[in-house]
Amino acid sequence: MEDSVRLQRFDQLPSATQFASQIESRNIPAVFVGCVKDWKAVSKWNPSNGGLDYLEERVGSFMVEAMLSQTAPVFYGDLRRHERVPLPFSTFIGFCKRHRQDVDNSCSFNSNSEGHQLGESDTELGSSPFVDAAPQQIYLAQIPIINAENEERVQLETLQEDIQLPAILEEKNLSSINLWMNIAQARSSAHYDPHHNLLCIVTGRKQVVLWPPSASPMLYPMPIYGEASNHSSVALENPDFSIHPRAQCSMEYSQKVILHAGDALFIPEGWFHQVDSDELTIAVNYWWRSSIMSSLADHMNAYYLRIILRRLTDREMDQVLLKGSTAMWRQEGNKPHLPCNKGNVDSLDQAGQSKDLKRKEQEQQGLLHELGPYALQALHELVALVHDRVNASNQNQPALSNSTNGLMCYKTNEQNKTLTTEIFHLEEDLVAKVLWTLEPGIFKDIFLAMAHNFPRTLEALILHLLSPVGAEVLTRKFDEIDQQNTEDDRNKFYQVFYGVFDNQFAAMDAILNGKESFARKAFKNVLEKYVGGNFDVPKPSVGRDFS
């Protein structure tokens, strides 16, 4: 867990200014210990002190909308897995009283544990003594005390007198204040809220597990077009890693906090959280829109969407390369060094050598002699990879010939095809692996030597062996060269590099098409990880803006 998103703990409630500038603006969670302990509700609503009778007297038989779930003690937000049923508040309180009388020790939380861990007995209703008791499947979730967006939904306004607005929220435009009350132990499925949230514990205890928005790929969010788009599709109490393999790492990104009566927890918008509640736990929460969401103008949404998707795509590409690099280093002890078959190297480039190139043979050999042992080895590996690929293709098909534009192509009966492969992982591409390990200066020297000595090999490498990940690595090496060289040196390098090709635009297209293919795959990964669902991303047509 990165320190920049680590939960903070305060023994005293900060000022509204401090909260806004140091906590809320950074979108990091924070615990405020005992900040609402002086509420009237903390003493008056406590079931151990006659709180159930007090609540029944205050609210009476006013109708509330209860959450009824057949999957209790886990309550899922998906409408397909629960229903909302009208219920007199006094009836719900009656269920609570009956539970206090009938509860068995086997259904209680272990007060010495760090929180309830759902086990086999929890997930199988057949092992519960309350199989036929509907009250254990009822949860008062998000019952409005105040609702600024829909006043008609307010059901428990009379309880407002027993709570006091925390000072850090005095300048906020609240969306709603809600009551949460469960009879038996309960767990809410992992989800995020579209508002900032201050969760205040009145009685009982809650354990909250938090994940930052950046960890959402590990939680497999529901498709964004679905009704429960803010919920995780992973049943974390019993995950199926064959369906959700990334979920195995989910707890590495999580933070856990236990809240007691009088404590409050700030949960920033977008943070996934899973909440376990002790029996007869009562909480009140405050929701308000963040300043970022409040300031978003509708006409800018499309722009922000593209910027965010581009940032996530760039990050995904970096992670793919980093993962591949790590895998490479782990395998380094078994890394094969490909021998350079000098006879094959000469044969590939003889057809493309001109008399002018032969007259410069002494100069070319000088370039080779200037290469160090590591650079020579890398050059030999690249040349050998090209020849191995070309020779293998030549054996599969009877004809390897020059096309009309002078480029070597893999000929079939239908059309000319290049030899490139759709490889997106660094550790799977031998060419990309060689390029990735090269320092900018060595990379530059190798390609200059290849351009002077083995021009047809370089041509085949770029036009026929460059995979999507290879194209991405190549262009990143170009960027590194650009940063370390003057404009004149850069121009000279690219003149020599592209001067090898009979059709320079074909070379540029091969590199850019591969690079866009790699980015397109990363973009597809982003949609699946952060948006949810499966997506087929079409290839951009020529001239299309695919930034």
Protein backbone atom coordinates (compact mmCIF):
# COMPACT_ATOMS: atom_id res chain seq x y z
CA MET A 1 0.00 0.00 0.00
CA GLU A 2 1.45 3.35 -1.05
CA ASP A 3 1.97 5.91 1.71
CA SER A 4 0.17 8.53 -0.38
CA VAL A 5 -3.14 6.67 0.05
CA ARG A 6 -2.65 5.28 3.53
CA LEU A 7 -5.45 5.81 6.03
CA GLN A 8 -4.86 8.51 8.64
CA ARG A 9 -5.99 8.41 12.26
CA PHE A 10 -6.94 11.41 14.41
CA ASP A 11 -7.70 11.44 18.13
CA GLN A 12 -9.28 14.85 17.78
CA LEU A 13 -11.53 16.19 15.05
CA PRO A 14 -9.56 18.60 12.83
CA SER A 15 -10.91 21.98 11.85
CA ALA A 16 -13.08 22.25 8.77
CA THR A 17 -10.25 24.06 6.96
CA GLN A 18 -7.69 21.44 7.90
CA PHE A 19 -10.01 18.63 6.86
CA ALA A 20 -10.71 20.21 3.48
CA SER A 21 -7.09 21.02 2.65
CA GLN A 22 -5.20 18.06 4.10
CA ILE A 23 -7.64 15.15 3.95
CA GLU A 24 -10.60 15.68 1.66
CA SER A 25 -8.60 17.31 -1.15
CA ARG A 26 -6.15 14.37 -1.16
CA ASN A 27 -8.95 11.79 -1.31
CA ILE A 28 -7.49 9.65 1.45
CA PRO A 29 -9.54 7.93 4.19
CA ALA A 30 -9.30 9.06 7.79
CA VAL A 31 -10.53 7.79 11.16
CA PHE A 32 -11.68 10.28 13.79
CA VAL A 33 -11.67 8.46 17.12
CA GLY A 34 -14.53 9.38 19.46
CA CYS A 35 -15.59 12.41 17.44
CA VAL A 36 -19.34 11.74 17.86
CA LYS A 37 -19.24 10.18 21.33
CA ASP A 38 -21.15 13.17 22.74
CA TRP A 39 -24.16 12.65 20.50
CA LYS A 40 -27.42 12.01 22.37
CA ALA A 41 -27.91 9.05 20.03
CA VAL A 42 -24.81 7.26 21.38
CA SER A 43 -26.46 6.83 24.77
CA LYS A 44 -30.16 6.91 23.89
CA TRP A 45 -30.06 4.44 20.96
CA ASN A 46 -27.90 1.84 22.71
CA PRO A 47 -29.88 -1.45 22.87
CA SER A 48 -28.15 -2.31 26.15
CA ASN A 49 -29.60 0.85 27.76
CA GLY A 50 -33.18 0.60 26.54
CA GLY A 51 -32.35 2.12 23.17
CA LEU A 52 -34.76 -0.10 21.23
CA ASP A 53 -37.71 1.07 23.31
CA TYR A 54 -36.58 4.68 22.86
CA LEU A 55 -36.34 4.33 19.06
CA GLU A 56 -39.71 2.61 18.85
CA GLU A 57 -41.29 5.41 20.86
CA ARG A 58 -39.68 8.16 18.74
CA VAL A 59 -40.41 6.70 15.30
CA GLY A 60 -43.38 4.43 16.00
CA SER A 61 -44.90 2.55 13.08
CA PHE A 62 -43.62 4.93 10.42
CA MET A 63 -42.99 2.95 7.22
CA VAL A 64 -39.38 2.39 6.20
CA GLU A 65 -37.94 0.56 3.21
CA ALA A 66 -35.97 -2.44 4.43
CA MET A 67 -33.46 -4.51 2.48
CA LEU A 68 -34.37 -8.21 2.35
CA SER A 69 -31.68 -10.62 1.18
CA GLN A 70 -31.66 -14.38 0.73
CA THR A 71 -27.85 -14.31 0.81
CA ALA A 72 -27.62 -13.04 4.40
CA PRO A 73 -25.40 -12.42 6.26
CA VAL A 74 -23.92 -10.99 3.03
CA PHE A 75 -25.96 -8.18 1.51
CA TYR A 76 -25.25 -7.48 -2.15
CA GLY A 77 -26.13 -4.20 -3.83
CA ASP A 78 -27.30 -5.86 -7.05
CA LEU A 79 -31.10 -5.64 -7.29
CA ARG A 80 -31.14 -9.22 -8.56
CA ARG A 81 -29.85 -10.43 -5.20
CA HIS A 82 -32.06 -8.48 -2.82
CA GLU A 83 -35.38 -6.71 -2.68
CA ARG A 84 -36.68 -3.60 -0.97
CA VAL A 85 -39.75 -4.18 1.16
CA PRO A 86 -41.88 -1.66 3.11
CA LEU A 87 -41.88 -2.35 6.82
CA PRO A 88 -43.21 -0.49 9.87
CA PHE A 89 -40.25 0.72 11.91
CA SER A 90 -41.87 -0.67 15.05
CA THR A 91 -41.98 -4.13 13.42
CA PHE A 92 -38.27 -3.96 12.71
CA ILE A 93 -37.60 -2.96 16.34
CA GLY A 94 -39.69 -5.95 17.40
CA PHE A 95 -37.42 -8.20 15.34
CA CYS A 96 -34.42 -6.65 17.10
CA LYS A 97 -35.90 -7.34 20.53
CA ARG A 98 -36.65 -10.93 19.63
CA HIS A 99 -33.12 -11.40 18.39
CA ARG A 100 -31.70 -10.11 21.68
CA GLN A 101 -33.75 -12.72 23.51
CA ASP A 102 -33.08 -15.64 21.19
CA VAL A 103 -29.56 -15.09 19.96
CA ASP A 104 -27.23 -17.97 20.52
CA ASN A 105 -23.55 -17.62 21.42
CA SER A 106 -22.61 -19.43 18.22
CA CYS A 107 -24.02 -16.55 16.19
CA SER A 108 -22.18 -13.84 18.11
CA PHE A 109 -18.94 -12.14 17.12
CA ASN A 110 -15.82 -13.06 19.03
CA SER A 111 -15.23 -9.83 20.90
CA ASN A 112 -11.48 -10.50 21.01
CA SER A 113 -11.08 -10.94 17.26
CA GLU A 114 -10.05 -8.22 14.84
CA GLY A 115 -13.32 -8.57 13.02
CA HIS A 116 -15.72 -11.14 11.77
CA GLN A 117 -14.38 -13.49 9.12
CA LEU A 118 -17.16 -15.18 7.24
CA GLY A 119 -16.73 -18.91 7.31
CA GLU A 120 -18.56 -21.93 6.01
CA SER A 121 -21.23 -21.68 8.68
CA ASP A 122 -21.94 -18.10 7.66
CA THR A 123 -22.44 -18.76 3.99
CA GLU A 124 -24.63 -21.83 4.41
CA LEU A 125 -28.03 -20.95 5.77
CA GLY A 126 -28.55 -24.61 6.60
CA SER A 127 -26.15 -24.30 9.55
CA SER A 128 -27.83 -21.26 11.03
CA PRO A 129 -30.39 -21.55 13.83
CA PHE A 130 -32.37 -18.77 12.09
CA VAL A 131 -33.00 -20.56 8.78
CA ASP A 132 -36.69 -19.77 8.92
CA ALA A 133 -36.32 -16.43 10.66
CA ALA A 134 -36.70 -13.62 8.16
CA PRO A 135 -35.47 -10.92 10.61
CA GLN A 136 -31.87 -12.09 10.14
CA GLN A 137 -32.25 -11.35 6.45
CA ILE A 138 -33.46 -7.80 7.03
CA TYR A 139 -31.21 -4.77 7.04
CA LEU A 140 -32.17 -1.12 7.33
CA ALA A 141 -29.73 0.27 4.78
CA GLN A 142 -29.58 3.92 3.74
CA ILE A 143 -32.81 4.99 5.43
CA PRO A 144 -32.99 8.78 4.93
CA ILE A 145 -32.94 11.12 7.91
CA ILE A 146 -32.35 14.03 5.53
CA ASN A 147 -32.31 13.91 1.72
CA ALA A 148 -31.62 17.16 -0.08
CA GLU A 149 -32.14 15.60 -3.50
CA ASN A 150 -35.50 13.99 -2.74
CA GLU A 151 -37.32 15.23 0.34
CA GLU A 152 -40.20 12.81 -0.23
CA ARG A 153 -37.88 9.89 0.55
CA VAL A 154 -37.13 11.15 4.06
CA GLN A 155 -38.40 8.54 6.53
CA LEU A 156 -36.66 9.18 9.85
CA GLU A 157 -36.45 12.97 10.11
CA THR A 158 -37.49 12.80 13.75
CA LEU A 159 -34.13 11.21 14.67
CA GLN A 160 -32.23 14.29 13.52
CA GLU A 161 -32.57 15.81 17.00
CA ASP A 162 -30.32 13.09 18.47
CA ILE A 163 -27.36 13.69 16.18
CA GLN A 164 -25.17 16.72 15.64
CA LEU A 165 -23.51 17.78 12.41
CA PRO A 166 -19.72 17.27 12.77
CA ALA A 167 -17.83 20.55 12.54
CA ILE A 168 -15.82 19.41 9.52
CA LEU A 169 -19.06 19.24 7.50
CA GLU A 170 -20.55 22.59 8.43
CA GLU A 171 -19.65 24.17 5.07
CA LYS A 172 -20.63 21.16 2.96
CA ASN A 173 -23.70 20.87 0.79
CA LEU A 174 -24.96 17.56 2.09
CA SER A 175 -26.78 15.21 -0.25
CA SER A 176 -28.24 13.05 2.50
CA ILE A 177 -27.99 11.78 6.08
CA ASN A 178 -28.91 8.12 6.48
CA LEU A 179 -29.51 5.48 9.15
CA TRP A 180 -27.96 2.00 8.91
CA MET A 181 -29.15 -0.68 11.33
CA ASN A 182 -28.78 -4.45 11.24
CA ILE A 183 -30.29 -7.11 13.49
CA ALA A 184 -27.77 -9.93 13.16
CA GLN A 185 -24.19 -9.81 11.93
CA ALA A 186 -24.06 -8.52 8.38
CA ARG A 187 -21.62 -7.82 5.58
CA SER A 188 -22.06 -5.41 2.70
CA SER A 189 -20.43 -6.46 -0.55
CA ALA A 190 -17.42 -4.46 -1.72
CA HIS A 191 -18.53 -1.29 -3.48
CA TYR A 192 -17.75 2.40 -3.86
CA ASP A 193 -19.97 5.46 -3.49
CA PRO A 194 -20.23 8.40 -5.91
CA HIS A 195 -20.09 10.82 -2.95
CA HIS A 196 -17.74 11.54 -0.08
CA ASN A 197 -18.91 9.66 2.99
CA LEU A 198 -18.55 10.21 6.73
CA LEU A 199 -19.62 7.02 8.50
CA CYS A 200 -20.41 7.54 12.20
CA ILE A 201 -20.90 4.61 14.59
CA VAL A 202 -23.66 5.14 17.14
CA THR A 203 -23.78 1.70 18.76
CA GLY A 204 -22.04 -1.61 18.10
CA ARG A 205 -18.96 -2.10 15.96
CA LYS A 206 -18.02 -2.18 12.29
CA GLN A 207 -14.96 -3.46 10.50
CA VAL A 208 -14.26 -1.68 7.22
CA VAL A 209 -11.87 -2.89 4.53
CA LEU A 210 -10.85 -0.15 2.10
CA TRP A 211 -9.31 -0.22 -1.37
CA PRO A 212 -8.21 2.88 -3.33
CA PRO A 213 -9.78 3.40 -6.78
CA SER A 214 -6.47 2.37 -8.36
CA ALA A 215 -7.04 -1.16 -7.00
CA SER A 216 -10.35 -1.61 -8.80
CA PRO A 217 -8.86 -4.04 -11.40
CA MET A 218 -8.27 -6.47 -8.52
CA LEU A 219 -11.95 -6.23 -7.55
CA TYR A 220 -13.47 -6.64 -11.03
CA PRO A 221 -16.06 -3.86 -10.91
CA MET A 222 -19.44 -4.61 -12.42
CA PRO A 223 -19.92 -3.28 -15.98
CA ILE A 224 -20.36 0.46 -15.97
CA TYR A 225 -23.57 0.16 -17.98
CA GLY A 226 -25.13 -2.15 -15.36
CA GLU A 227 -27.48 -1.36 -12.49
CA ALA A 228 -24.85 -2.26 -9.86
CA SER A 229 -21.87 -0.65 -11.59
CA ASN A 230 -20.37 0.55 -8.30
CA HIS A 231 -20.10 -2.97 -6.88
CA SER A 232 -17.36 -5.58 -7.15
CA SER A 233 -18.27 -8.77 -8.98
CA VAL A 234 -16.00 -10.80 -6.66
CA ALA A 235 -17.54 -12.62 -3.72
CA LEU A 236 -14.62 -11.85 -1.42
CA GLU A 237 -15.86 -14.21 1.29
CA ASN A 238 -15.52 -17.10 -1.20
CA PRO A 239 -13.72 -15.89 -4.34
CA ASP A 240 -13.31 -18.04 -7.44
CA PHE A 241 -9.79 -17.26 -8.62
CA SER A 242 -10.29 -19.21 -11.83
CA ILE A 243 -12.83 -16.55 -12.83
CA HIS A 244 -11.21 -13.59 -11.06
CA PRO A 245 -7.45 -14.33 -10.96
CA ARG A 246 -6.43 -10.76 -10.12
CA ALA A 247 -8.52 -10.96 -6.93
CA GLN A 248 -5.77 -13.08 -5.37
CA CYS A 249 -3.82 -9.83 -4.93
CA SER A 250 -6.75 -7.74 -3.72
CA MET A 251 -5.85 -7.80 -0.03
CA GLU A 252 -2.35 -6.48 -0.78
CA TYR A 253 -3.99 -3.19 -1.74
CA SER A 254 -6.43 -3.08 1.16
CA GLN A 255 -6.51 -1.34 4.53
CA LYS A 256 -8.57 -2.47 7.50
CA VAL A 257 -10.04 -0.38 10.29
CA ILE A 258 -12.30 -1.26 13.23
CA LEU A 259 -14.79 1.38 14.35
CA HIS A 260 -16.43 1.49 17.77
CA ALA A 261 -19.31 3.58 19.07
CA GLY A 262 -18.41 7.27 18.84
CA ASP A 263 -15.87 6.81 16.01
CA ALA A 264 -16.23 8.15 12.49
CA LEU A 265 -14.57 7.19 9.20
CA PHE A 266 -14.13 9.42 6.16
CA ILE A 267 -14.47 7.29 3.00
CA PRO A 268 -13.57 9.35 -0.08
CA GLU A 269 -15.62 8.98 -3.23
CA GLY A 270 -14.53 6.10 -5.44
CA TRP A 271 -12.91 4.10 -2.62
CA PHE A 272 -14.13 0.53 -2.52
CA HIS A 273 -15.17 -0.60 0.93
CA GLN A 274 -16.58 -3.77 2.47
CA VAL A 275 -18.27 -3.41 5.84
CA ASP A 276 -18.77 -6.10 8.48
CA SER A 277 -21.20 -5.17 11.25
CA ASP A 278 -21.68 -6.70 14.66
CA GLU A 279 -25.24 -7.59 15.59
CA LEU A 280 -27.47 -4.65 16.50
CA THR A 281 -25.02 -2.09 15.15
CA ILE A 282 -26.44 1.33 14.35
CA ALA A 283 -24.65 3.95 12.24
CA VAL A 284 -25.38 7.29 10.64
CA ASN A 285 -23.62 8.47 7.51
CA TYR A 286 -23.31 11.80 5.70
CA TRP A 287 -22.94 12.01 1.92
CA TRP A 288 -21.82 15.09 0.00
CA ARG A 289 -20.51 15.76 -3.49
CA SER A 290 -16.80 16.40 -3.83
CA SER A 291 -15.60 19.74 -5.08
CA ILE A 292 -14.13 18.04 -8.13
CA MET A 293 -17.44 16.49 -9.17
CA SER A 294 -19.34 19.65 -8.34
CA SER A 295 -17.11 21.75 -10.57
CA LEU A 296 -17.22 19.47 -13.62
CA ALA A 297 -18.95 21.18 -16.52
CA ASP A 298 -21.05 18.96 -18.77
CA HIS A 299 -19.46 20.27 -21.95
CA MET A 300 -16.03 19.13 -20.65
CA ASN A 301 -17.01 15.55 -19.82
CA ALA A 302 -15.89 14.12 -23.16
CA TYR A 303 -12.50 15.78 -22.87
CA TYR A 304 -11.91 14.58 -19.29
CA LEU A 305 -13.00 11.09 -20.30
CA ARG A 306 -10.42 10.97 -23.09
CA ILE A 307 -7.68 12.37 -20.86
CA ILE A 308 -8.36 9.84 -18.12
CA LEU A 309 -8.54 6.93 -20.56
CA ARG A 310 -5.28 8.05 -22.13
CA ARG A 311 -3.58 8.25 -18.73
CA LEU A 312 -4.83 4.81 -17.76
CA THR A 313 -3.73 3.39 -21.12
CA ASP A 314 -0.24 4.86 -20.76
CA ARG A 315 -0.02 3.42 -17.26
CA GLU A 316 -1.19 0.03 -18.49
CA MET A 317 1.50 0.00 -21.18
CA ASP A 318 4.15 0.87 -18.59
CA GLN A 319 2.93 -1.95 -16.34
CA VAL A 320 2.99 -4.50 -19.17
CA LEU A 321 6.59 -3.62 -19.97
CA LEU A 322 7.60 -3.55 -16.30
CA LYS A 323 6.01 -6.95 -15.72
CA GLY A 324 7.78 -8.34 -18.76
CA SER A 325 11.08 -6.85 -17.64
CA THR A 326 10.73 -8.46 -14.22
CA ALA A 327 9.98 -11.82 -15.80
CA MET A 328 13.05 -11.43 -18.02
CA TRP A 329 15.40 -10.81 -15.11
CA ARG A 330 14.03 -13.84 -13.30
CA GLN A 331 14.82 -15.97 -16.34
CA GLU A 332 18.20 -14.38 -16.97
CA GLY A 333 20.11 -17.41 -15.70
CA ASN A 334 18.56 -19.49 -18.47
CA LYS A 335 18.73 -16.82 -21.16
CA PRO A 336 19.96 -18.31 -24.45
CA HIS A 337 22.58 -16.38 -26.38
CA LEU A 338 21.92 -16.89 -30.06
CA PRO A 339 25.01 -17.55 -32.16
CA CYS A 340 25.53 -15.44 -35.24
CA ASN A 341 25.77 -17.57 -38.41
CA LYS A 342 28.05 -15.35 -40.45
CA GLY A 343 27.33 -17.19 -43.66
CA ASN A 344 23.61 -16.60 -43.36
CA VAL A 345 24.16 -12.92 -42.50
CA ASP A 346 26.14 -12.34 -45.64
CA SER A 347 23.60 -14.18 -47.82
CA LEU A 348 20.69 -12.04 -46.63
CA ASP A 349 22.41 -8.76 -47.46
CA GLN A 350 24.25 -9.74 -50.65
CA ALA A 351 21.14 -9.15 -52.76
CA GLY A 352 20.84 -5.61 -51.46
CA GLN A 353 24.48 -4.59 -51.57
CA SER A 354 25.44 -2.06 -54.21
CA LYS A 355 28.83 -1.18 -55.58
CA ASP A 356 28.73 2.02 -53.55
CA LEU A 357 28.31 0.03 -50.34
CA LYS A 358 31.22 -2.25 -51.25
CA ARG A 359 33.49 0.75 -51.79
CA LYS A 360 32.69 1.77 -48.21
CA GLU A 361 33.54 -1.64 -46.80
CA GLN A 362 36.48 -0.34 -44.82
CA GLU A 363 34.35 2.34 -43.17
CA GLN A 364 31.65 -0.19 -42.31
CA GLN A 365 34.11 -2.59 -40.74
CA GLY A 366 35.36 0.32 -38.67
CA LEU A 367 31.85 0.76 -37.25
CA LEU A 368 31.70 -2.90 -36.27
CA HIS A 369 35.12 -2.78 -34.63
CA GLU A 370 34.01 0.17 -32.52
CA LEU A 371 31.26 -1.90 -30.92
CA GLY A 372 32.00 -3.35 -27.51
CA PRO A 373 31.49 -7.06 -26.71
CA TYR A 374 27.99 -6.51 -25.30
CA ALA A 375 26.90 -4.48 -28.34
CA LEU A 376 28.37 -7.04 -30.74
CA GLN A 377 26.55 -9.85 -28.96
CA ALA A 378 23.23 -7.93 -29.16
CA LEU A 379 23.82 -7.18 -32.85
CA HIS A 380 24.58 -10.85 -33.55
CA GLU A 381 21.39 -11.89 -31.72
CA LEU A 382 19.22 -9.50 -33.71
CA VAL A 383 20.74 -10.57 -37.04
CA ALA A 384 20.40 -14.25 -36.17
CA LEU A 385 16.75 -13.78 -35.13
CA VAL A 386 15.95 -12.20 -38.49
CA HIS A 387 17.64 -15.02 -40.40
CA ASP A 388 16.09 -17.76 -38.33
CA ARG A 389 12.65 -16.26 -38.95
CA VAL A 390 13.18 -15.72 -42.66
CA ASN A 391 14.63 -19.20 -43.13
CA ALA A 392 11.77 -20.82 -41.21
CA SER A 393 9.24 -18.96 -43.35
CA ASN A 394 11.13 -19.92 -46.49
CA GLN A 395 10.81 -23.57 -45.56
CA ASN A 396 7.07 -23.26 -44.99
CA GLN A 397 6.39 -21.56 -48.32
CA PRO A 398 8.22 -22.07 -51.61
CA ALA A 399 8.76 -18.44 -52.48
CA LEU A 400 10.50 -15.59 -50.66
CA SER A 401 10.80 -12.75 -53.09
CA ASN A 402 10.99 -8.99 -53.45
CA SER A 403 7.71 -7.16 -53.81
CA THR A 404 7.17 -4.37 -56.29
CA ASN A 405 8.41 -1.78 -53.78
CA GLY A 406 11.62 -3.70 -53.12
CA LEU A 407 10.60 -5.04 -49.70
CA MET A 408 10.99 -8.70 -48.77
CA CYS A 409 7.56 -10.22 -48.22
CA TYR A 410 6.17 -13.59 -47.27
CA LYS A 411 4.37 -14.64 -50.43
CA THR A 412 1.21 -16.74 -50.44
CA ASN A 413 -1.20 -17.63 -53.21
CA GLU A 414 -3.72 -15.01 -52.04
CA GLN A 415 -1.58 -12.00 -51.25
CA ASN A 416 1.76 -10.90 -49.87
CA LYS A 417 1.94 -11.06 -46.11
CA THR A 418 4.56 -9.86 -43.70
CA LEU A 419 6.06 -12.15 -41.10
CA THR A 420 5.13 -10.08 -38.08
CA THR A 421 3.40 -11.68 -35.12
CA GLU A 422 0.87 -10.25 -32.70
CA ILE A 423 2.98 -10.43 -29.54
CA PHE A 424 2.11 -8.04 -26.71
CA HIS A 425 4.25 -9.37 -23.84
CA LEU A 426 7.88 -8.38 -23.58
CA GLU A 427 9.06 -11.69 -22.18
CA GLU A 428 7.57 -13.54 -25.20
CA ASP A 429 9.27 -11.49 -27.92
CA LEU A 430 12.97 -12.23 -28.53
CA VAL A 431 13.56 -9.07 -30.56
CA ALA A 432 11.87 -6.82 -27.99
CA LYS A 433 13.83 -8.50 -25.18
CA VAL A 434 17.13 -7.68 -26.87
CA LEU A 435 16.12 -4.06 -27.56
CA TRP A 436 14.75 -3.51 -24.04
CA THR A 437 18.08 -4.20 -22.36
CA LEU A 438 20.10 -1.76 -24.49
CA GLU A 439 21.29 1.60 -23.21
CA PRO A 440 20.46 4.47 -25.59
CA GLY A 441 24.06 4.93 -26.73
CA ILE A 442 24.57 1.21 -27.41
CA PHE A 443 21.17 1.02 -29.13
CA LYS A 444 22.16 3.85 -31.44
CA ASP A 445 25.55 2.31 -32.30
CA ILE A 446 24.00 -1.09 -33.02
CA PHE A 447 21.42 0.27 -35.42
CA LEU A 448 23.96 2.45 -37.20
CA ALA A 449 26.20 -0.59 -37.62
CA MET A 450 23.27 -2.65 -38.85
CA ALA A 451 22.25 0.06 -41.31
CA HIS A 452 25.78 0.23 -42.77
CA ASN A 453 26.62 -3.48 -42.76
CA PHE A 454 23.32 -5.35 -42.89
CA PRO A 455 20.74 -3.00 -44.44
CA ARG A 456 18.44 -5.77 -45.75
CA THR A 457 18.49 -7.41 -42.32
CA LEU A 458 17.44 -4.15 -40.70
CA GLU A 459 14.72 -3.76 -43.33
CA ALA A 460 13.38 -7.26 -42.63
CA LEU A 461 13.56 -6.66 -38.87
CA ILE A 462 11.39 -3.56 -39.03
CA LEU A 463 8.97 -4.63 -41.74
CA HIS A 464 8.48 -8.29 -40.90
CA LEU A 465 9.58 -9.13 -37.36
CA LEU A 466 8.44 -6.10 -35.38
CA SER A 467 5.61 -7.15 -33.06
CA PRO A 468 3.36 -4.65 -31.23
CA VAL A 469 5.48 -4.84 -28.07
CA GLY A 470 8.62 -4.64 -30.22
CA ALA A 471 7.36 -1.46 -31.88
CA GLU A 472 6.59 0.08 -28.48
CA VAL A 473 10.06 -0.76 -27.17
CA LEU A 474 11.70 0.56 -30.35
CA THR A 475 9.95 3.92 -30.17
CA ARG A 476 10.76 4.27 -26.49
CA LYS A 477 14.42 3.73 -27.33
CA PHE A 478 14.08 6.38 -30.01
CA ASP A 479 12.72 8.76 -27.35
CA GLU A 480 15.71 8.01 -25.11
CA ILE A 481 18.09 8.76 -27.98
CA ASP A 482 16.27 12.03 -28.68
CA GLN A 483 16.70 13.12 -25.06
CA GLN A 484 20.44 12.42 -25.01
CA ASN A 485 21.51 13.80 -28.40
CA THR A 486 21.57 17.15 -30.14
CA GLU A 487 19.19 17.92 -32.97
CA ASP A 488 21.97 17.46 -35.57
CA ASP A 489 22.91 14.06 -34.14
CA ARG A 490 19.27 13.00 -34.06
CA ASN A 491 18.74 14.01 -37.67
CA LYS A 492 21.87 12.16 -38.81
CA PHE A 493 20.79 8.99 -37.00
CA TYR A 494 17.29 8.96 -38.50
CA GLN A 495 18.64 9.76 -41.98
CA VAL A 496 20.87 6.69 -41.80
CA PHE A 497 18.16 4.53 -40.19
CA TYR A 498 15.35 5.35 -42.63
CA GLY A 499 17.74 5.62 -45.57
CA VAL A 500 17.98 1.82 -45.54
CA PHE A 501 14.38 1.43 -46.69
CA ASP A 502 13.33 1.66 -50.32
CA ASN A 503 10.04 3.02 -49.03
CA GLN A 504 10.56 5.06 -45.88
CA PHE A 505 6.82 5.57 -45.40
CA ALA A 506 6.31 1.80 -45.29
CA ALA A 507 8.88 1.61 -42.49
CA MET A 508 7.18 4.38 -40.55
CA ASP A 509 3.80 2.69 -41.05
CA ALA A 510 5.16 -0.64 -39.78
CA ILE A 511 6.49 1.01 -36.61
CA LEU A 512 3.42 3.18 -35.98
CA ASN A 513 0.96 0.37 -36.74
CA GLY A 514 2.74 -1.89 -34.27
CA LYS A 515 2.86 0.84 -31.66
CA GLU A 516 -0.86 1.58 -32.08
CA SER A 517 -1.65 -2.13 -31.89
CA PHE A 518 0.16 -2.33 -28.55
CA ALA A 519 -1.69 0.75 -27.27
CA ARG A 520 -4.99 -0.65 -28.52
CA LYS A 521 -4.44 -3.85 -26.54
CA ALA A 522 -3.59 -1.80 -23.45
CA PHE A 523 -6.72 0.30 -24.00
CA LYS A 524 -8.83 -2.87 -24.17
CA ASN A 525 -7.26 -4.02 -20.90
CA VAL A 526 -8.14 -0.67 -19.30
CA LEU A 527 -11.78 -0.95 -20.34
CA GLU A 528 -12.05 -4.48 -18.99
CA LYS A 529 -10.28 -3.66 -15.70
CA TYR A 530 -11.85 -0.31 -14.86
CA VAL A 531 -15.12 -0.18 -16.80
CA GLY A 532 -16.10 -3.85 -16.56
CA GLY A 533 -17.34 -6.20 -19.29
CA ASN A 534 -15.67 -7.40 -22.49
CA PHE A 535 -14.80 -5.05 -25.31
CA ASP A 536 -13.61 -5.45 -28.90
CA VAL A 537 -11.62 -2.36 -29.81
CA PRO A 538 -11.54 -1.86 -33.60
CA LYS A 539 -8.33 -0.97 -35.38
CA PRO A 540 -8.17 2.71 -36.38
CA SER A 541 -8.60 3.37 -40.07
CA VAL A 542 -6.04 5.43 -41.95
CA GLY A 543 -6.31 9.07 -41.01
CA ARG A 544 -8.51 8.49 -37.98
CA ASP A 545 -7.69 10.46 -34.85
CA PHE A 546 -6.96 7.73 -32.30
CA SER A 547 -5.15 9.79 -29.71
